[in-house]
Protein backbone atom coordinates (compact mmCIF):
# COMPACT_ATOMS: atom_id res chain seq x y z
CA UNK A 1 0.00 0.00 0.00
CA UNK A 2 2.75 2.42 0.93
CA UNK A 3 4.73 1.73 -2.26
CA UNK A 4 1.59 2.37 -4.35
CA UNK A 5 1.19 5.84 -2.82
CA UNK A 6 4.88 6.58 -3.37
CA UNK A 7 4.60 5.42 -6.98
CA UNK A 8 1.57 7.67 -7.51
CA UNK A 9 3.46 10.67 -6.11
CA UNK A 10 6.36 9.99 -8.47
CA UNK A 11 3.98 9.63 -11.42
CA UNK A 12 2.33 12.97 -10.61
CA UNK A 13 5.73 14.63 -10.31
CA UNK A 14 6.90 13.10 -13.59
CA UNK A 15 3.71 14.23 -15.39
CA UNK A 16 4.09 17.73 -13.97
CA UNK A 17 7.73 17.98 -15.07
CA UNK A 18 6.95 16.67 -18.55
CA UNK A 19 4.11 19.16 -18.95
CA UNK A 20 6.46 21.97 -17.94
CA UNK A 21 9.07 20.86 -20.46
CA UNK A 22 6.50 20.60 -23.23
CA UNK A 23 4.96 23.98 -22.38
CA UNK A 24 8.28 25.77 -22.26
CA UNK A 25 9.39 24.55 -25.67
CA UNK A 26 6.77 26.32 -27.73
CA UNK A 27 7.00 29.42 -29.91
CA UNK A 28 3.51 30.44 -28.80
CA UNK A 29 3.16 33.24 -26.27
CA UNK A 30 4.44 36.78 -25.92
CA UNK A 31 7.86 37.92 -27.10
CA UNK A 32 9.79 41.17 -26.62
CA UNK A 33 11.40 42.43 -29.81
CA UNK A 34 14.75 44.17 -29.75
CA UNK A 35 16.14 45.89 -32.83
CA UNK A 36 19.25 43.96 -33.85
CA UNK A 37 20.84 47.10 -35.31
CA UNK A 38 20.57 49.54 -32.39
CA UNK A 39 19.46 47.47 -29.37
CA UNK A 40 16.22 49.44 -28.86
CA UNK A 41 13.35 47.49 -27.29
CA UNK A 42 10.49 47.86 -29.75
CA UNK A 43 7.34 45.91 -28.91
CA UNK A 44 5.64 42.88 -27.44
CA UNK A 45 4.42 40.42 -30.06
CA UNK A 46 1.91 37.68 -29.33
CA UNK A 47 2.39 34.49 -31.34
CA UNK A 48 -0.70 32.31 -31.47
CA UNK A 49 -2.19 29.37 -33.32
CA UNK A 50 -5.25 29.77 -35.52
CA UNK A 51 -6.62 27.03 -37.79
CA UNK A 52 -3.47 24.98 -37.12
CA UNK A 53 -1.15 27.73 -38.39
CA UNK A 54 1.07 30.23 -36.57
CA UNK A 55 0.17 33.93 -36.56
CA UNK A 56 1.50 36.95 -34.70
CA UNK A 57 0.32 40.44 -33.83
CA UNK A 58 1.62 43.50 -32.01
CA UNK A 59 0.06 43.67 -28.53
CA UNK A 60 2.17 46.41 -26.95
CA UNK A 61 4.50 49.11 -28.22
CA UNK A 62 7.46 49.72 -25.91
CA UNK A 63 9.60 52.13 -27.93
CA UNK A 64 9.49 55.68 -26.58
CA UNK A 65 7.55 58.07 -28.79
CA UNK A 66 5.94 55.27 -30.83
CA UNK A 67 3.00 54.26 -28.61
CA UNK A 68 0.30 55.55 -30.98
CA UNK A 69 2.28 54.96 -34.19
CA UNK A 70 0.43 54.54 -37.46
CA UNK A 71 1.65 52.61 -40.48
CA UNK A 72 2.16 55.72 -42.62
CA UNK A 73 4.44 53.98 -45.14
CA UNK A 74 1.95 51.17 -45.64
CA UNK A 75 -0.26 50.80 -48.67
CA UNK A 76 -3.68 49.27 -49.09
CA UNK A 77 -5.78 48.27 -46.10
CA UNK A 78 -2.90 48.89 -43.64
CA UNK A 79 -2.35 52.50 -44.76
CA UNK A 80 -2.43 54.84 -41.72
CA UNK A 81 -3.71 52.04 -39.43
CA UNK A 82 -2.40 51.68 -35.87
CA UNK A 83 0.59 49.37 -35.54
CA UNK A 84 -0.79 48.27 -32.17
CA UNK A 85 -2.97 45.25 -32.93
CA UNK A 86 -1.52 44.80 -36.42
CA UNK A 87 -0.95 41.24 -37.63
CA UNK A 88 2.70 40.82 -38.61
CA UNK A 89 2.83 37.06 -39.32
CA UNK A 90 0.20 35.02 -41.10
CA UNK A 91 -0.16 31.33 -41.94
CA UNK A 92 3.27 30.03 -40.91
CA UNK A 93 3.53 26.23 -41.03
CA UNK A 94 5.75 24.04 -38.88
CA UNK A 95 8.12 21.68 -40.68
CA UNK A 96 9.65 18.41 -39.43
CA UNK A 97 12.62 20.28 -37.92
CA UNK A 98 10.36 22.43 -35.74
CA UNK A 99 10.88 25.56 -37.86
CA UNK A 100 7.87 27.65 -38.82
CA UNK A 101 7.94 28.98 -42.38
CA UNK A 102 5.69 31.43 -44.17
CA UNK A 103 5.40 34.06 -46.88
CA UNK A 104 3.84 36.83 -44.78
CA UNK A 105 6.29 38.34 -42.30
CA UNK A 106 5.35 42.02 -42.23
CA UNK A 107 7.62 44.81 -40.98
CA UNK A 108 5.44 47.90 -40.30
CA UNK A 109 8.46 50.23 -40.06
CA UNK A 110 9.57 49.38 -43.58
CA UNK A 111 6.04 48.59 -44.79
CA UNK A 112 7.43 45.46 -46.42
CA UNK A 113 6.41 41.82 -46.41
CA UNK A 114 9.07 39.12 -46.38
CA UNK A 115 9.27 35.36 -46.44
CA UNK A 116 10.12 34.22 -42.96
CA UNK A 117 11.32 31.50 -40.64
CA UNK A 118 10.78 31.28 -36.90
CA UNK A 119 12.38 28.84 -34.46
CA UNK A 120 13.41 28.53 -30.83
CA UNK A 121 17.08 29.15 -30.10
CA UNK A 122 18.84 25.81 -29.57
CA UNK A 123 20.80 27.23 -26.63
CA UNK A 124 17.94 29.02 -24.87
CA UNK A 125 14.25 28.25 -25.35
CA UNK A 126 13.40 31.70 -24.01
CA UNK A 127 14.90 33.22 -27.14
CA UNK A 128 13.18 33.11 -30.50
CA UNK A 129 14.94 33.51 -33.83
CA UNK A 130 12.92 35.41 -36.44
CA UNK A 131 14.44 35.59 -39.91
CA UNK A 132 13.09 37.60 -42.83
CA UNK A 133 14.15 36.88 -46.41
CA UNK A 134 14.27 39.17 -49.41
CA UNK A 135 15.52 37.10 -52.35
CA UNK A 136 18.81 35.57 -51.13
CA UNK A 137 19.41 38.23 -48.47
CA UNK A 138 18.18 37.75 -44.92
CA UNK A 139 18.15 39.36 -41.50
CA UNK A 140 17.65 37.54 -38.21
CA UNK A 141 16.41 39.05 -34.96
CA UNK A 142 16.40 37.43 -31.53
CA UNK A 143 13.21 37.96 -29.55
CA UNK A 144 12.96 37.31 -25.82
CA UNK A 145 10.13 35.41 -24.14
CA UNK A 146 7.91 37.53 -21.88
CA UNK A 147 7.42 35.63 -18.64
CA UNK A 148 4.10 36.59 -17.11
CA UNK A 149 3.23 35.95 -13.48
C-alpha atoms as a PDB file:
ATOM      1  CA  UNK A   1       0.000   0.000   0.000  1.00  0.00           C
ATOM      2  CA  UNK A   2       2.753   2.418   0.932  1.00  0.00           C
ATOM      3  CA  UNK A   3       4.726   1.725  -2.265  1.00  0.00           C
ATOM      4  CA  UNK A   4       1.589   2.367  -4.350  1.00  0.00           C
ATOM      5  CA  UNK A   5       1.189   5.841  -2.818  1.00  0.00           C
ATOM      6  CA  UNK A   6       4.880   6.580  -3.372  1.00  0.00           C
ATOM      7  CA  UNK A   7       4.604   5.423  -6.983  1.00  0.00           C
ATOM      8  CA  UNK A   8       1.574   7.673  -7.508  1.00  0.00           C
ATOM      9  CA  UNK A   9       3.464  10.673  -6.110  1.00  0.00           C
ATOM     10  CA  UNK A  10       6.359   9.992  -8.472  1.00  0.00           C
ATOM     11  CA  UNK A  11       3.978   9.634 -11.415  1.00  0.00           C
ATOM     12  CA  UNK A  12       2.329  12.970 -10.613  1.00  0.00           C
ATOM     13  CA  UNK A  13       5.735  14.627 -10.309  1.00  0.00           C
ATOM     14  CA  UNK A  14       6.896  13.098 -13.587  1.00  0.00           C
ATOM     15  CA  UNK A  15       3.715  14.229 -15.392  1.00  0.00           C
ATOM     16  CA  UNK A  16       4.086  17.732 -13.966  1.00  0.00           C
ATOM     17  CA  UNK A  17       7.730  17.977 -15.067  1.00  0.00           C
ATOM     18  CA  UNK A  18       6.950  16.667 -18.547  1.00  0.00           C
ATOM     19  CA  UNK A  19       4.113  19.155 -18.947  1.00  0.00           C
ATOM     20  CA  UNK A  20       6.462  21.974 -17.939  1.00  0.00           C
ATOM     21  CA  UNK A  21       9.074  20.858 -20.457  1.00  0.00           C
ATOM     22  CA  UNK A  22       6.499  20.599 -23.226  1.00  0.00           C
ATOM     23  CA  UNK A  23       4.963  23.984 -22.381  1.00  0.00           C
ATOM     24  CA  UNK A  24       8.278  25.774 -22.257  1.00  0.00           C
ATOM     25  CA  UNK A  25       9.391  24.546 -25.673  1.00  0.00           C
ATOM     26  CA  UNK A  26       6.768  26.324 -27.728  1.00  0.00           C
ATOM     27  CA  UNK A  27       6.997  29.419 -29.906  1.00  0.00           C
ATOM     28  CA  UNK A  28       3.507  30.439 -28.797  1.00  0.00           C
ATOM     29  CA  UNK A  29       3.163  33.235 -26.273  1.00  0.00           C
ATOM     30  CA  UNK A  30       4.442  36.779 -25.921  1.00  0.00           C
ATOM     31  CA  UNK A  31       7.859  37.921 -27.095  1.00  0.00           C
ATOM     32  CA  UNK A  32       9.793  41.166 -26.623  1.00  0.00           C
ATOM     33  CA  UNK A  33      11.402  42.435 -29.814  1.00  0.00           C
ATOM     34  CA  UNK A  34      14.747  44.173 -29.752  1.00  0.00           C
ATOM     35  CA  UNK A  35      16.137  45.890 -32.831  1.00  0.00           C
ATOM     36  CA  UNK A  36      19.253  43.960 -33.847  1.00  0.00           C
ATOM     37  CA  UNK A  37      20.843  47.104 -35.311  1.00  0.00           C
ATOM     38  CA  UNK A  38      20.573  49.544 -32.386  1.00  0.00           C
ATOM     39  CA  UNK A  39      19.458  47.467 -29.368  1.00  0.00           C
ATOM     40  CA  UNK A  40      16.216  49.439 -28.860  1.00  0.00           C
ATOM     41  CA  UNK A  41      13.353  47.487 -27.289  1.00  0.00           C
ATOM     42  CA  UNK A  42      10.495  47.864 -29.751  1.00  0.00           C
ATOM     43  CA  UNK A  43       7.343  45.910 -28.909  1.00  0.00           C
ATOM     44  CA  UNK A  44       5.640  42.881 -27.444  1.00  0.00           C
ATOM     45  CA  UNK A  45       4.421  40.416 -30.061  1.00  0.00           C
ATOM     46  CA  UNK A  46       1.912  37.676 -29.335  1.00  0.00           C
ATOM     47  CA  UNK A  47       2.389  34.492 -31.340  1.00  0.00           C
ATOM     48  CA  UNK A  48      -0.701  32.305 -31.469  1.00  0.00           C
ATOM     49  CA  UNK A  49      -2.191  29.365 -33.324  1.00  0.00           C
ATOM     50  CA  UNK A  50      -5.248  29.775 -35.524  1.00  0.00           C
ATOM     51  CA  UNK A  51      -6.621  27.027 -37.787  1.00  0.00           C
ATOM     52  CA  UNK A  52      -3.467  24.979 -37.117  1.00  0.00           C
ATOM     53  CA  UNK A  53      -1.149  27.732 -38.386  1.00  0.00           C
ATOM     54  CA  UNK A  54       1.074  30.226 -36.573  1.00  0.00           C
ATOM     55  CA  UNK A  55       0.172  33.927 -36.557  1.00  0.00           C
ATOM     56  CA  UNK A  56       1.501  36.954 -34.696  1.00  0.00           C
ATOM     57  CA  UNK A  57       0.318  40.441 -33.827  1.00  0.00           C
ATOM     58  CA  UNK A  58       1.615  43.502 -32.014  1.00  0.00           C
ATOM     59  CA  UNK A  59       0.056  43.666 -28.531  1.00  0.00           C
ATOM     60  CA  UNK A  60       2.170  46.412 -26.946  1.00  0.00           C
ATOM     61  CA  UNK A  61       4.503  49.107 -28.222  1.00  0.00           C
ATOM     62  CA  UNK A  62       7.461  49.718 -25.911  1.00  0.00           C
ATOM     63  CA  UNK A  63       9.598  52.132 -27.925  1.00  0.00           C
ATOM     64  CA  UNK A  64       9.487  55.680 -26.585  1.00  0.00           C
ATOM     65  CA  UNK A  65       7.546  58.067 -28.786  1.00  0.00           C
ATOM     66  CA  UNK A  66       5.942  55.269 -30.831  1.00  0.00           C
ATOM     67  CA  UNK A  67       2.996  54.262 -28.608  1.00  0.00           C
ATOM     68  CA  UNK A  68       0.303  55.549 -30.983  1.00  0.00           C
ATOM     69  CA  UNK A  69       2.280  54.961 -34.186  1.00  0.00           C
ATOM     70  CA  UNK A  70       0.428  54.535 -37.461  1.00  0.00           C
ATOM     71  CA  UNK A  71       1.649  52.615 -40.477  1.00  0.00           C
ATOM     72  CA  UNK A  72       2.160  55.717 -42.616  1.00  0.00           C
ATOM     73  CA  UNK A  73       4.445  53.976 -45.141  1.00  0.00           C
ATOM     74  CA  UNK A  74       1.949  51.169 -45.640  1.00  0.00           C
ATOM     75  CA  UNK A  75      -0.261  50.803 -48.667  1.00  0.00           C
ATOM     76  CA  UNK A  76      -3.682  49.274 -49.095  1.00  0.00           C
ATOM     77  CA  UNK A  77      -5.781  48.267 -46.103  1.00  0.00           C
ATOM     78  CA  UNK A  78      -2.898  48.890 -43.638  1.00  0.00           C
ATOM     79  CA  UNK A  79      -2.355  52.502 -44.756  1.00  0.00           C
ATOM     80  CA  UNK A  80      -2.434  54.836 -41.719  1.00  0.00           C
ATOM     81  CA  UNK A  81      -3.713  52.043 -39.429  1.00  0.00           C
ATOM     82  CA  UNK A  82      -2.401  51.680 -35.866  1.00  0.00           C
ATOM     83  CA  UNK A  83       0.587  49.374 -35.537  1.00  0.00           C
ATOM     84  CA  UNK A  84      -0.788  48.269 -32.172  1.00  0.00           C
ATOM     85  CA  UNK A  85      -2.967  45.245 -32.926  1.00  0.00           C
ATOM     86  CA  UNK A  86      -1.522  44.801 -36.418  1.00  0.00           C
ATOM     87  CA  UNK A  87      -0.954  41.243 -37.629  1.00  0.00           C
ATOM     88  CA  UNK A  88       2.697  40.816 -38.609  1.00  0.00           C
ATOM     89  CA  UNK A  89       2.827  37.060 -39.316  1.00  0.00           C
ATOM     90  CA  UNK A  90       0.204  35.016 -41.097  1.00  0.00           C
ATOM     91  CA  UNK A  91      -0.162  31.329 -41.938  1.00  0.00           C
ATOM     92  CA  UNK A  92       3.266  30.031 -40.906  1.00  0.00           C
ATOM     93  CA  UNK A  93       3.528  26.233 -41.026  1.00  0.00           C
ATOM     94  CA  UNK A  94       5.746  24.037 -38.878  1.00  0.00           C
ATOM     95  CA  UNK A  95       8.119  21.677 -40.684  1.00  0.00           C
ATOM     96  CA  UNK A  96       9.650  18.411 -39.429  1.00  0.00           C
ATOM     97  CA  UNK A  97      12.617  20.275 -37.922  1.00  0.00           C
ATOM     98  CA  UNK A  98      10.355  22.434 -35.738  1.00  0.00           C
ATOM     99  CA  UNK A  99      10.879  25.560 -37.859  1.00  0.00           C
ATOM    100  CA  UNK A 100       7.866  27.652 -38.823  1.00  0.00           C
ATOM    101  CA  UNK A 101       7.939  28.980 -42.385  1.00  0.00           C
ATOM    102  CA  UNK A 102       5.687  31.427 -44.174  1.00  0.00           C
ATOM    103  CA  UNK A 103       5.400  34.063 -46.881  1.00  0.00           C
ATOM    104  CA  UNK A 104       3.840  36.827 -44.777  1.00  0.00           C
ATOM    105  CA  UNK A 105       6.287  38.344 -42.297  1.00  0.00           C
ATOM    106  CA  UNK A 106       5.350  42.022 -42.234  1.00  0.00           C
ATOM    107  CA  UNK A 107       7.615  44.814 -40.985  1.00  0.00           C
ATOM    108  CA  UNK A 108       5.436  47.901 -40.304  1.00  0.00           C
ATOM    109  CA  UNK A 109       8.465  50.226 -40.057  1.00  0.00           C
ATOM    110  CA  UNK A 110       9.572  49.383 -43.581  1.00  0.00           C
ATOM    111  CA  UNK A 111       6.039  48.594 -44.786  1.00  0.00           C
ATOM    112  CA  UNK A 112       7.427  45.464 -46.418  1.00  0.00           C
ATOM    113  CA  UNK A 113       6.413  41.820 -46.414  1.00  0.00           C
ATOM    114  CA  UNK A 114       9.065  39.117 -46.382  1.00  0.00           C
ATOM    115  CA  UNK A 115       9.270  35.359 -46.442  1.00  0.00           C
ATOM    116  CA  UNK A 116      10.123  34.224 -42.960  1.00  0.00           C
ATOM    117  CA  UNK A 117      11.322  31.502 -40.641  1.00  0.00           C
ATOM    118  CA  UNK A 118      10.776  31.281 -36.901  1.00  0.00           C
ATOM    119  CA  UNK A 119      12.379  28.841 -34.459  1.00  0.00           C
ATOM    120  CA  UNK A 120      13.412  28.526 -30.826  1.00  0.00           C
ATOM    121  CA  UNK A 121      17.078  29.153 -30.097  1.00  0.00           C
ATOM    122  CA  UNK A 122      18.838  25.814 -29.575  1.00  0.00           C
ATOM    123  CA  UNK A 123      20.804  27.230 -26.632  1.00  0.00           C
ATOM    124  CA  UNK A 124      17.942  29.017 -24.866  1.00  0.00           C
ATOM    125  CA  UNK A 125      14.253  28.249 -25.353  1.00  0.00           C
ATOM    126  CA  UNK A 126      13.400  31.703 -24.008  1.00  0.00           C
ATOM    127  CA  UNK A 127      14.902  33.224 -27.144  1.00  0.00           C
ATOM    128  CA  UNK A 128      13.182  33.106 -30.498  1.00  0.00           C
ATOM    129  CA  UNK A 129      14.939  33.507 -33.829  1.00  0.00           C
ATOM    130  CA  UNK A 130      12.921  35.414 -36.438  1.00  0.00           C
ATOM    131  CA  UNK A 131      14.442  35.589 -39.908  1.00  0.00           C
ATOM    132  CA  UNK A 132      13.086  37.596 -42.830  1.00  0.00           C
ATOM    133  CA  UNK A 133      14.154  36.876 -46.413  1.00  0.00           C
ATOM    134  CA  UNK A 134      14.274  39.171 -49.411  1.00  0.00           C
ATOM    135  CA  UNK A 135      15.522  37.098 -52.352  1.00  0.00           C
ATOM    136  CA  UNK A 136      18.809  35.569 -51.132  1.00  0.00           C
ATOM    137  CA  UNK A 137      19.409  38.226 -48.471  1.00  0.00           C
ATOM    138  CA  UNK A 138      18.176  37.752 -44.920  1.00  0.00           C
ATOM    139  CA  UNK A 139      18.148  39.358 -41.498  1.00  0.00           C
ATOM    140  CA  UNK A 140      17.648  37.543 -38.205  1.00  0.00           C
ATOM    141  CA  UNK A 141      16.411  39.049 -34.956  1.00  0.00           C
ATOM    142  CA  UNK A 142      16.396  37.429 -31.532  1.00  0.00           C
ATOM    143  CA  UNK A 143      13.206  37.960 -29.552  1.00  0.00           C
ATOM    144  CA  UNK A 144      12.957  37.313 -25.817  1.00  0.00           C
ATOM    145  CA  UNK A 145      10.133  35.410 -24.139  1.00  0.00           C
ATOM    146  CA  UNK A 146       7.909  37.529 -21.884  1.00  0.00           C
ATOM    147  CA  UNK A 147       7.417  35.633 -18.644  1.00  0.00           C
ATOM    148  CA  UNK A 148       4.096  36.586 -17.114  1.00  0.00           C
ATOM    149  CA  UNK A 149       3.228  35.951 -13.483  1.00  0.00           C
END
